[in-house]
Protein backbone atom coordinates (compact mmCIF):
# COMPACT_ATOMS: atom_id res chain seq x y z
CA MET A 1 92.29 82.01 132.53
CA GLU A 2 89.55 84.61 132.46
CA LYS A 3 86.78 83.69 130.07
CA LEU A 4 86.35 85.98 127.08
CA SER A 5 83.21 86.46 125.08
CA LEU A 6 84.14 85.39 121.57
CA PRO A 7 81.97 85.49 118.49
CA ASP A 8 80.29 82.21 117.59
CA GLU A 9 81.63 82.76 114.06
CA TYR A 10 85.17 81.95 115.23
CA LEU A 11 84.09 78.53 116.41
CA GLU A 12 81.98 77.87 113.31
CA PHE A 13 84.86 78.83 111.04
CA LEU A 14 87.29 76.62 112.97
CA LYS A 15 84.86 73.71 112.59
CA CYS A 16 84.83 74.28 108.81
CA LEU A 17 88.65 74.32 108.70
CA ASN A 18 88.80 71.04 110.63
CA LYS A 19 86.04 69.42 108.57
CA HIS A 20 87.88 70.21 105.33
CA LYS A 21 91.26 69.19 106.80
CA VAL A 22 92.88 72.57 106.16
CA ASP A 23 96.49 72.89 107.34
CA TYR A 24 96.36 75.98 109.58
CA LEU A 25 97.93 77.37 112.73
CA ILE A 26 96.27 79.85 115.05
CA ILE A 27 98.65 82.77 115.56
CA GLY A 28 98.35 86.26 117.03
CA ALA A 29 96.40 87.15 120.16
CA HIS A 30 94.58 83.83 120.44
CA ALA A 31 97.88 81.94 120.35
CA ILE A 32 99.23 84.30 123.04
CA MET A 33 96.18 83.58 125.20
CA PHE A 34 96.63 79.85 124.66
CA HIS A 35 100.31 79.76 125.57
CA ALA A 36 100.38 82.41 128.30
CA SER A 37 96.99 81.47 129.83
CA PHE A 38 95.63 84.98 130.18
CA ALA A 39 92.80 86.94 128.61
CA ARG A 40 93.80 89.62 126.11
CA ALA A 41 91.58 91.84 123.99
CA SER A 42 91.59 91.16 120.27
CA LYS A 43 89.53 92.42 117.36
CA ASP A 44 90.11 89.32 115.25
CA ILE A 45 91.45 85.80 115.03
CA ASP A 46 94.46 85.06 112.86
CA PHE A 47 95.12 81.83 110.98
CA TRP A 48 98.37 81.05 109.20
CA VAL A 49 97.46 78.67 106.37
CA LYS A 50 99.76 76.50 104.31
CA GLN A 51 100.32 77.89 100.84
CA SER A 52 99.85 74.89 98.52
CA GLU A 53 97.42 73.93 95.77
CA GLU A 54 95.84 71.13 97.82
CA ASN A 55 95.46 73.24 100.94
CA SER A 56 94.14 76.17 98.90
CA GLN A 57 91.38 73.95 97.55
CA ARG A 58 90.47 72.71 101.04
CA LEU A 59 90.50 76.27 102.39
CA ALA A 60 88.28 77.49 99.54
CA GLU A 61 85.77 74.74 100.38
CA ALA A 62 85.85 75.67 104.09
CA VAL A 63 85.40 79.39 103.39
CA THR A 64 82.56 78.72 100.95
CA GLU A 65 80.78 76.47 103.46
CA PHE A 66 81.25 79.04 106.23
CA SER A 67 80.36 82.21 104.35
CA GLY A 68 78.23 81.01 101.47
CA SER A 69 80.50 83.00 99.15
CA PRO A 70 82.88 81.16 96.84
CA LEU A 71 86.61 81.70 97.20
CA ASP A 72 88.90 81.10 94.25
CA PRO A 73 91.54 78.61 95.49
CA SER A 74 94.24 80.45 93.53
CA THR A 75 93.76 83.46 95.83
CA LEU A 76 95.79 81.75 98.56
CA LEU A 77 98.64 81.11 96.14
CA ILE A 78 99.27 84.83 95.63
CA PRO A 79 102.51 85.73 97.46
CA LYS A 80 102.07 87.54 100.79
CA ARG A 81 98.28 87.33 100.54
CA LYS A 82 95.96 88.19 103.43
CA ILE A 83 92.29 87.26 103.23
CA GLU A 84 89.83 88.92 105.61
CA ILE A 85 86.39 87.58 106.44
CA GLY A 86 83.84 89.58 108.40
CA ASN A 87 83.97 92.98 110.03
CA GLY A 88 82.52 94.78 113.00
CA GLU A 89 82.10 92.34 115.88
CA PHE A 90 84.18 89.60 114.31
CA LYS A 91 86.98 89.39 111.80
CA ILE A 92 88.94 86.40 110.60
CA GLU A 93 92.32 86.94 108.97
CA LEU A 94 93.94 84.25 106.83
CA LEU A 95 97.63 84.70 106.15
CA SER A 96 99.55 82.48 103.77
CA TYR A 97 103.00 83.95 104.27
CA LEU A 98 104.97 85.25 107.26
CA GLU A 99 108.44 86.73 107.01
CA ALA A 100 109.74 85.08 110.19
CA ALA A 101 109.09 81.44 109.53
CA TYR A 102 108.21 78.82 106.99
CA PHE A 103 104.90 77.08 107.42
CA ASP A 104 106.23 73.52 107.06
CA GLU A 105 108.77 74.09 109.84
CA ALA A 106 106.14 75.66 112.10
CA TRP A 107 103.69 72.85 111.24
CA GLU A 108 106.19 70.26 112.52
CA LYS A 109 106.13 72.03 115.90
CA LYS A 110 102.36 72.66 116.04
CA VAL A 111 100.49 72.28 119.30
CA LEU A 112 97.08 70.64 119.48
CA GLY A 113 94.87 72.60 121.81
CA ASN A 114 91.26 73.46 122.45
CA PHE A 115 89.39 76.50 121.18
CA LEU A 116 85.88 76.84 122.63
CA GLY A 117 85.59 73.05 122.80
CA GLU A 118 86.90 72.39 119.29
CA PRO A 119 90.33 70.84 118.63
CA ALA A 120 92.64 73.45 117.13
CA TYR A 121 96.23 73.72 115.96
CA PHE A 122 98.25 76.52 117.50
CA VAL A 123 101.68 77.75 116.49
CA SER A 124 104.28 76.55 119.01
CA LYS A 125 105.43 78.92 121.73
CA ASP A 126 108.97 79.19 120.32
CA VAL A 127 107.75 80.04 116.81
CA LEU A 128 105.24 82.52 118.26
CA ILE A 129 108.06 84.23 120.15
CA GLU A 130 110.01 84.60 116.90
CA LEU A 131 106.97 86.01 115.11
CA LYS A 132 106.38 88.54 117.90
CA LYS A 133 110.04 89.60 117.91
CA LEU A 134 109.88 90.28 114.19
CA ALA A 135 106.63 92.27 114.40
CA GLY A 136 108.05 94.53 117.12
CA ARG A 137 104.94 96.63 117.80
CA SER A 138 104.29 97.75 121.40
CA GLN A 139 101.60 95.08 121.80
CA ASP A 140 104.02 92.44 120.49
CA ILE A 141 106.64 93.49 123.04
CA ALA A 142 104.06 93.20 125.84
CA ASP A 143 103.03 89.79 124.50
CA LEU A 144 106.68 88.68 124.49
CA GLU A 145 107.03 89.53 128.17
CA ARG A 146 103.92 87.50 129.02
CA LEU A 147 105.16 84.57 126.93
CA LYS A 148 108.60 84.59 128.51
CA THR A 149 107.18 84.49 132.04
CA SER A 150 104.44 81.94 131.38
CA GLU A 151 104.68 78.25 132.10
CA THR A 152 104.44 76.08 129.05
CA HIS A 153 101.38 73.84 129.08
CA GLU A 154 101.46 72.66 125.54
CA LYS A 155 101.56 69.17 124.16
CA GLU A 156 103.73 69.01 121.08
CA GLN A 157 102.15 67.14 118.18
């Protein structure tokens, strides 16, 4: 796979998530790149985070450590909430709810991978395909074609 230049902030944030044992799955473009083994432009990194009181507390601790700004843990418990961190050269999006799937079911199928040398949990290829089908944008349709023709290299966890 072609190497992309990614902001150091992505790696630092991922380290904070892992340190605080946040239940998350990388979705979106970075999951496509992981499963289809090709470089694709992206303006952000997307994390699907489990919506629970315990996970909200862990996420708030991770965000506070990363950004220096406190996050109220109850923010993640708001239905269909999206939290954005950063702008310009890097943006992190935290999503607690997706129409196409339930987190616990997707978590059971998670794939342990590597993101810039750090262990990371990615949404499984089959769940990612369902998410892309539901989104239906032109980029999602292109991503679906790449996913369907790619060899799977994942190790189910």
